[in-house]
């Protein structure tokens, strides 16, 4: 848990370097394949199922009641009502990619507001314990099959994983062009990260490394609508993404281990997956 280690969250900063740096908006970049291709449809469906339906209750049914008991409830309700007015509406002719971006951006904006409010009323240790513990518990309860699917990557038989690992002459294990194509177009976890690149693919050795140049958590929400537009939305990055996912995936009963390395204050992130190879 976050409370058992060094603090995950950074302290608020007056730096505006993040605001000065231009950020691309996923729904407004790329070509026809990016906006309407298979991965766009997967991300659209998964964002509705996983973010809106399953993770969506995190703020109104968990963080908001805590805030009402910790501060002036009327002031909290006014703040919550105001942040909801910034939601981007899904429109009839929005592409699947744009629908994904809006759903993700709405979720990030409201989570960041709640986390920034929570940290005003709790110590760093208490704050991290509340956020990571709650998000991890909700993930276990509402999305068990998704995490079972992820964990299943580490349980494939050795003869199958050995065929997937292709070593170059220099010993590197980058994916083949076909593996890259399949990952780019049919990645079930792509709705969480946005476009990503596999830089190391060694199922036989129990290692996969993924580089995310512009993590969806940082670029889906319109910057001017964020609770703190002068900074990247790093609270949820560190506690909801990194903290909760690592708490879920690095337990004694999980075969697949995950490590996230956000490159803050940049929008990039490196995710490493490892497991004990099958005999």
Protein backbone atom coordinates (compact mmCIF):
# COMPACT_ATOMS: atom_id res chain seq x y z
CA UNK A 1 0.00 0.00 0.00
CA UNK A 2 1.07 3.56 -0.58
CA UNK A 3 1.11 4.33 3.12
CA UNK A 4 3.81 1.73 3.75
CA UNK A 5 6.34 3.36 1.44
CA UNK A 6 7.61 6.80 0.53
CA UNK A 7 4.87 9.24 -0.49
CA UNK A 8 3.68 8.78 -4.04
CA UNK A 9 2.30 12.26 -4.53
CA UNK A 10 4.40 15.29 -5.13
CA UNK A 11 3.70 18.49 -3.26
CA UNK A 12 1.81 21.27 -5.03
CA UNK A 13 4.12 23.44 -7.06
CA UNK A 14 3.87 26.96 -8.36
CA UNK A 15 5.68 25.95 -11.57
CA UNK A 16 3.74 26.57 -14.76
CA UNK A 17 6.10 24.67 -17.06
CA UNK A 18 3.40 22.06 -17.69
CA UNK A 19 0.93 24.70 -18.79
CA UNK A 20 3.48 26.21 -21.15
CA UNK A 21 4.10 22.90 -22.86
CA UNK A 22 1.69 22.15 -25.73
CA UNK A 23 -0.23 18.91 -25.38
CA UNK A 24 -1.85 17.00 -28.21
CA UNK A 25 -5.50 16.02 -27.81
CA UNK A 26 -6.01 12.36 -28.77
CA UNK A 27 -9.42 12.75 -30.36
CA UNK A 28 -8.15 15.51 -32.65
CA UNK A 29 -4.98 13.88 -33.96
CA UNK A 30 -4.20 10.96 -36.24
CA UNK A 31 -5.96 9.82 -39.38
CA UNK A 32 -9.04 7.84 -40.26
CA UNK A 33 -7.66 4.56 -38.84
CA UNK A 34 -6.81 6.22 -35.52
CA UNK A 35 -10.28 7.74 -35.16
CA UNK A 36 -12.41 4.95 -36.61
CA UNK A 37 -10.22 1.82 -36.66
CA UNK A 38 -10.58 -1.34 -34.53
CA UNK A 39 -8.61 0.03 -31.58
CA UNK A 40 -10.77 3.17 -31.47
CA UNK A 41 -13.90 1.02 -31.18
CA UNK A 42 -12.31 -1.19 -28.51
CA UNK A 43 -11.31 1.89 -26.49
CA UNK A 44 -14.78 3.42 -26.87
CA UNK A 45 -16.54 0.30 -25.60
CA UNK A 46 -14.05 -0.37 -22.81
CA UNK A 47 -14.12 3.25 -21.60
CA UNK A 48 -17.90 3.05 -21.20
CA UNK A 49 -17.74 -0.31 -19.47
CA UNK A 50 -14.69 0.20 -17.25
CA UNK A 51 -14.49 3.96 -16.60
CA UNK A 52 -18.08 5.17 -16.71
CA UNK A 53 -19.93 2.12 -15.38
CA UNK A 54 -17.39 0.56 -13.00
CA UNK A 55 -14.90 3.23 -11.92
CA UNK A 56 -17.34 6.13 -12.20
CA UNK A 57 -18.87 5.61 -8.71
CA UNK A 58 -15.45 6.21 -7.11
CA UNK A 59 -15.97 9.97 -6.72
CA UNK A 60 -19.71 10.42 -5.96
CA UNK A 61 -20.15 7.34 -3.77
CA UNK A 62 -16.78 7.17 -1.99
CA UNK A 63 -14.66 10.32 -2.08
CA UNK A 64 -17.58 12.75 -1.93
CA UNK A 65 -19.08 11.32 1.31
CA UNK A 66 -15.61 11.43 2.91
CA UNK A 67 -15.23 15.07 1.86
CA UNK A 68 -18.67 15.98 3.21
CA UNK A 69 -17.67 14.60 6.62
CA UNK A 70 -14.26 16.32 6.54
CA UNK A 71 -15.25 19.82 5.40
CA UNK A 72 -18.25 22.09 4.98
CA UNK A 73 -20.69 19.81 3.11
CA UNK A 74 -22.43 22.70 1.36
CA UNK A 75 -19.12 24.01 0.05
CA UNK A 76 -18.15 20.52 -1.14
CA UNK A 77 -21.49 20.10 -2.90
CA UNK A 78 -21.07 23.46 -4.64
CA UNK A 79 -17.60 22.45 -5.83
CA UNK A 80 -18.86 19.08 -7.06
CA UNK A 81 -21.77 20.69 -8.90
CA UNK A 82 -19.42 23.17 -10.57
CA UNK A 83 -16.88 20.57 -11.72
CA UNK A 84 -19.69 18.51 -13.26
CA UNK A 85 -20.67 21.47 -15.45
CA UNK A 86 -17.34 21.04 -17.25
CA UNK A 87 -18.23 17.60 -18.60
CA UNK A 88 -17.82 17.24 -22.34
CA UNK A 89 -20.97 15.83 -23.90
CA UNK A 90 -20.91 12.89 -26.29
CA UNK A 91 -22.38 14.02 -29.61
CA UNK A 92 -24.10 11.94 -32.27
CA UNK A 93 -21.38 12.23 -34.89
CA UNK A 94 -18.36 11.97 -32.57
CA UNK A 95 -15.88 9.33 -33.72
CA UNK A 96 -15.20 6.35 -31.44
CA UNK A 97 -11.85 7.93 -30.57
CA UNK A 98 -13.45 11.22 -29.60
CA UNK A 99 -16.06 9.45 -27.47
CA UNK A 100 -13.24 7.64 -25.65
CA UNK A 101 -11.36 10.90 -25.13
CA UNK A 102 -14.37 12.71 -23.68
CA UNK A 103 -15.27 9.89 -21.30
CA UNK A 104 -11.68 9.58 -20.11
CA UNK A 105 -11.27 13.34 -19.78
CA UNK A 106 -14.47 13.67 -17.76
CA UNK A 107 -13.35 10.90 -15.41
CA UNK A 108 -9.87 12.40 -14.93
CA UNK A 109 -11.22 15.91 -14.29
CA UNK A 110 -13.60 14.78 -11.54
CA UNK A 111 -11.11 12.42 -9.91
CA UNK A 112 -8.45 15.14 -9.84
CA UNK A 113 -10.88 17.58 -8.23
CA UNK A 114 -11.75 15.06 -5.53
CA UNK A 115 -8.12 14.18 -4.83
CA UNK A 116 -7.03 17.80 -4.60
CA UNK A 117 -9.85 18.38 -2.09
CA UNK A 118 -8.99 15.27 -0.08
CA UNK A 119 -5.36 16.19 0.37
CA UNK A 120 -6.42 19.43 2.08
CA UNK A 121 -7.91 17.48 5.00
CA UNK A 122 -5.61 14.50 5.55
CA UNK A 123 -1.94 13.83 6.13
CA UNK A 124 -0.01 12.52 3.15
CA UNK A 125 -0.01 9.00 4.58
CA UNK A 126 -3.75 9.07 5.31
CA UNK A 127 -4.51 10.59 1.91
CA UNK A 128 -2.57 7.95 -0.03
CA UNK A 129 -4.04 5.14 2.06
CA UNK A 130 -7.59 6.34 1.39
CA UNK A 131 -7.13 6.84 -2.35
CA UNK A 132 -5.02 3.78 -3.19
CA UNK A 133 -6.92 1.48 -0.87
CA UNK A 134 -10.33 2.58 -2.14
CA UNK A 135 -9.38 2.45 -5.84
CA UNK A 136 -7.77 -0.99 -5.46
CA UNK A 137 -10.78 -2.35 -3.57
CA UNK A 138 -13.17 -1.02 -6.22
CA UNK A 139 -11.03 -2.60 -8.93
CA UNK A 140 -11.15 -6.00 -7.23
CA UNK A 141 -14.90 -5.74 -6.74
CA UNK A 142 -16.03 -4.36 -10.10
CA UNK A 143 -13.34 -5.40 -12.58
CA UNK A 144 -12.10 -8.78 -11.39
CA UNK A 145 -12.36 -10.37 -14.85
CA UNK A 146 -10.17 -7.64 -16.40
CA UNK A 147 -7.42 -8.20 -13.86
CA UNK A 148 -7.80 -11.96 -14.23
CA UNK A 149 -7.29 -11.50 -17.98
CA UNK A 150 -4.13 -9.48 -17.31
CA UNK A 151 -2.89 -12.07 -14.81
CA UNK A 152 -3.56 -14.82 -17.35
CA UNK A 153 -0.69 -13.48 -19.48
CA UNK A 154 1.69 -15.00 -16.95
CA UNK A 155 0.10 -18.44 -17.02
CA UNK A 156 0.55 -19.45 -20.64
CA UNK A 157 2.42 -22.73 -21.18
CA UNK A 158 6.13 -22.52 -21.93
CA UNK A 159 5.86 -23.99 -25.43
CA UNK A 160 3.49 -21.19 -26.40
CA UNK A 161 5.49 -18.33 -24.91
CA UNK A 162 8.74 -19.53 -26.47
CA UNK A 163 7.19 -19.23 -29.92
CA UNK A 164 6.18 -15.63 -29.21
CA UNK A 165 9.67 -14.45 -28.25
CA UNK A 166 11.76 -13.44 -31.27
CA UNK A 167 15.39 -12.59 -30.50
CA UNK A 168 17.41 -10.42 -32.84
CA UNK A 169 21.07 -11.10 -33.55
CA UNK A 170 22.08 -8.62 -30.86
CA UNK A 171 19.90 -10.45 -28.32
CA UNK A 172 17.17 -7.80 -28.14
CA UNK A 173 13.56 -8.88 -27.94
CA UNK A 174 11.57 -6.20 -29.70
CA UNK A 175 8.25 -7.41 -31.11
CA UNK A 176 7.95 -8.43 -34.75
CA UNK A 177 6.06 -6.20 -37.17
CA UNK A 178 3.05 -8.54 -36.96
CA UNK A 179 3.05 -8.49 -33.15
CA UNK A 180 3.30 -4.69 -33.26
CA UNK A 181 0.41 -4.47 -35.72
CA UNK A 182 -1.79 -6.70 -33.58
CA UNK A 183 -0.96 -4.68 -30.45
CA UNK A 184 -1.68 -1.38 -32.23
CA UNK A 185 -5.07 -2.53 -33.50
CA UNK A 186 -6.39 -4.98 -30.88
CA UNK A 187 -5.02 -3.96 -27.46
CA UNK A 188 -7.69 -4.63 -24.78
CA UNK A 189 -5.88 -2.38 -22.28
CA UNK A 190 -5.39 0.48 -24.73
CA UNK A 191 -8.37 2.37 -23.31
CA UNK A 192 -6.31 3.01 -20.16
CA UNK A 193 -3.11 4.28 -21.79
CA UNK A 194 -3.88 5.57 -25.26
CA UNK A 195 -1.39 4.80 -28.06
CA UNK A 196 1.62 2.89 -26.74
CA UNK A 197 4.63 1.02 -28.07
CA UNK A 198 6.01 -2.32 -26.94
CA UNK A 199 9.77 -1.85 -26.60
CA UNK A 200 10.57 -5.26 -25.13
CA UNK A 201 8.53 -8.40 -25.78
CA UNK A 202 9.90 -11.56 -24.17
CA UNK A 203 7.06 -13.84 -22.99
CA UNK A 204 9.48 -16.75 -22.72
CA UNK A 205 11.61 -14.74 -20.29
CA UNK A 206 8.61 -13.29 -18.46
CA UNK A 207 9.13 -9.65 -19.47
CA UNK A 208 7.18 -7.07 -21.44
CA UNK A 209 7.96 -3.34 -21.46
CA UNK A 210 5.58 -0.75 -22.85
CA UNK A 211 6.34 2.92 -23.54
CA UNK A 212 3.43 5.38 -23.52
CA UNK A 213 4.52 8.69 -25.10
CA UNK A 214 1.39 10.63 -24.10
CA UNK A 215 -0.54 8.87 -21.36
CA UNK A 216 -4.29 9.23 -21.73
CA UNK A 217 -4.61 10.36 -18.11
CA UNK A 218 -2.63 13.50 -18.97
CA UNK A 219 -3.92 14.39 -22.41
CA UNK A 220 -7.60 13.41 -22.67
CA UNK A 221 -9.06 16.20 -20.56
CA UNK A 222 -9.05 19.74 -21.88
CA UNK A 223 -6.39 21.56 -19.91
CA UNK A 224 -8.44 24.70 -19.33
CA UNK A 225 -11.17 22.63 -17.66
CA UNK A 226 -8.90 20.81 -15.19
CA UNK A 227 -9.10 21.74 -11.47
CA UNK A 228 -5.49 22.95 -11.69
CA UNK A 229 -4.86 23.94 -15.34
CA UNK A 230 -1.29 25.00 -14.55
CA UNK A 231 -0.17 21.42 -13.89
CA UNK A 232 -0.60 17.99 -15.35
CA UNK A 233 -3.27 15.92 -13.52
CA UNK A 234 -0.64 14.02 -11.56
CA UNK A 235 -2.57 13.10 -8.41
CA UNK A 236 -4.59 10.39 -10.14
CA UNK A 237 -1.60 9.40 -12.25
CA UNK A 238 0.38 8.55 -9.13
CA UNK A 239 -2.39 7.15 -6.95
CA UNK A 240 -5.19 5.81 -9.17
CA UNK A 241 -3.04 4.52 -12.06
CA UNK A 242 0.33 3.70 -10.52
CA UNK A 243 -0.67 3.23 -6.89
CA UNK A 244 -3.87 1.23 -7.28
CA UNK A 245 -2.69 -0.87 -10.23
CA UNK A 246 0.55 -1.82 -8.49
CA UNK A 247 -1.40 -2.68 -5.32
CA UNK A 248 -3.70 -4.92 -7.37
CA UNK A 249 -1.06 -6.58 -9.54
CA UNK A 250 1.84 -7.02 -7.11
CA UNK A 251 0.17 -9.11 -4.45
CA UNK A 252 1.32 -12.53 -3.31
CA UNK A 253 -1.54 -14.20 -5.20
CA UNK A 254 -0.87 -12.53 -8.58
CA UNK A 255 1.36 -14.15 -11.17
CA UNK A 256 1.78 -10.98 -13.23
CA UNK A 257 3.68 -8.11 -11.63
CA UNK A 258 3.41 -4.54 -12.89
CA UNK A 259 5.51 -1.45 -12.37
CA UNK A 260 4.64 2.03 -13.64
CA UNK A 261 7.25 4.73 -14.12
CA UNK A 262 5.56 8.07 -14.89
CA UNK A 263 8.02 10.51 -16.46
CA UNK A 264 6.57 13.54 -14.71
CA UNK A 265 6.48 16.42 -15.47
CA UNK A 266 6.30 14.95 -18.98
CA UNK A 267 3.21 13.11 -20.23
CA UNK A 268 5.09 9.87 -20.96
CA UNK A 269 5.13 6.70 -18.87
CA UNK A 270 6.89 3.34 -18.98
CA UNK A 271 5.00 0.23 -17.82
CA UNK A 272 6.89 -2.98 -17.06
CA UNK A 273 5.23 -6.37 -16.73
CA UNK A 274 7.09 -9.38 -15.37
CA UNK A 275 6.30 -12.90 -14.26
CA UNK A 276 7.98 -16.20 -13.52
CA UNK A 277 8.25 -18.07 -16.83
CA UNK A 278 6.57 -21.46 -17.07
CA UNK A 279 8.90 -24.41 -16.71
